[in-house]
Amino acid sequence: MKWPPTLCWTAPKTINGNRHFQVKTYGGKNEDRWVDIFPTKNKKRY
């Protein structure tokens, strides 16, 4: 994954019925990187 992540992206497969997501927050270094995303349809956090 490109770092920092792009703010919007499309998953190759659906995740809980969603394919389009936006990045809420991200952080970490090297192998401990993490990304908090939510689907663009209902804004429910994953």
Protein backbone atom coordinates (compact mmCIF):
# COMPACT_ATOMS: atom_id res chain seq x y z
CA MET A 1 0.00 0.00 0.00
CA LYS A 2 1.18 3.48 -0.83
CA TRP A 3 1.92 5.47 2.33
CA PRO A 4 0.29 7.73 3.34
CA PRO A 5 -2.84 6.06 1.92
CA THR A 6 -5.04 7.86 -0.58
CA LEU A 7 -8.18 9.31 0.99
CA CYS A 8 -10.62 7.29 -1.16
CA TRP A 9 -10.28 3.81 -2.59
CA THR A 10 -12.21 0.91 -4.08
CA ALA A 11 -11.72 -2.60 -2.70
CA PRO A 12 -11.22 -5.45 -5.21
CA LYS A 13 -14.00 -7.40 -3.43
CA THR A 14 -16.98 -6.29 -1.38
CA ILE A 15 -16.51 -5.94 2.39
CA ASN A 16 -19.86 -6.24 4.18
CA GLY A 17 -21.59 -5.24 0.93
CA ASN A 18 -19.39 -2.18 0.31
CA ARG A 19 -16.61 -1.59 -2.18
CA HIS A 20 -16.02 2.18 -1.89
CA PHE A 21 -14.31 3.54 1.21
CA GLN A 22 -12.81 6.71 2.64
CA VAL A 23 -9.92 6.91 5.08
CA LYS A 24 -10.84 8.35 8.48
CA THR A 25 -7.40 8.19 10.16
CA TYR A 26 -4.10 6.38 9.74
CA GLY A 27 -0.83 6.04 11.60
CA GLY A 28 2.04 3.85 12.72
CA LYS A 29 5.49 3.14 11.33
CA ASN A 30 6.98 0.37 9.21
CA GLU A 31 5.25 -2.97 9.98
CA ASP A 32 2.89 -1.40 12.57
CA ARG A 33 0.95 0.80 10.12
CA TRP A 34 -2.84 0.93 10.41
CA VAL A 35 -5.74 2.56 8.56
CA ASP A 36 -9.23 3.32 9.91
CA ILE A 37 -11.77 3.34 7.05
CA PHE A 38 -15.52 3.74 6.60
CA PRO A 39 -17.81 2.93 3.65
CA THR A 40 -18.99 5.93 1.67
CA LYS A 41 -22.63 4.76 1.70
CA ASN A 42 -23.49 4.87 5.41
CA LYS A 43 -20.38 6.21 7.19
CA LYS A 44 -20.42 3.26 9.63
CA ARG A 45 -16.92 2.67 11.01
CA TYR A 46 -15.10 -0.60 10.25
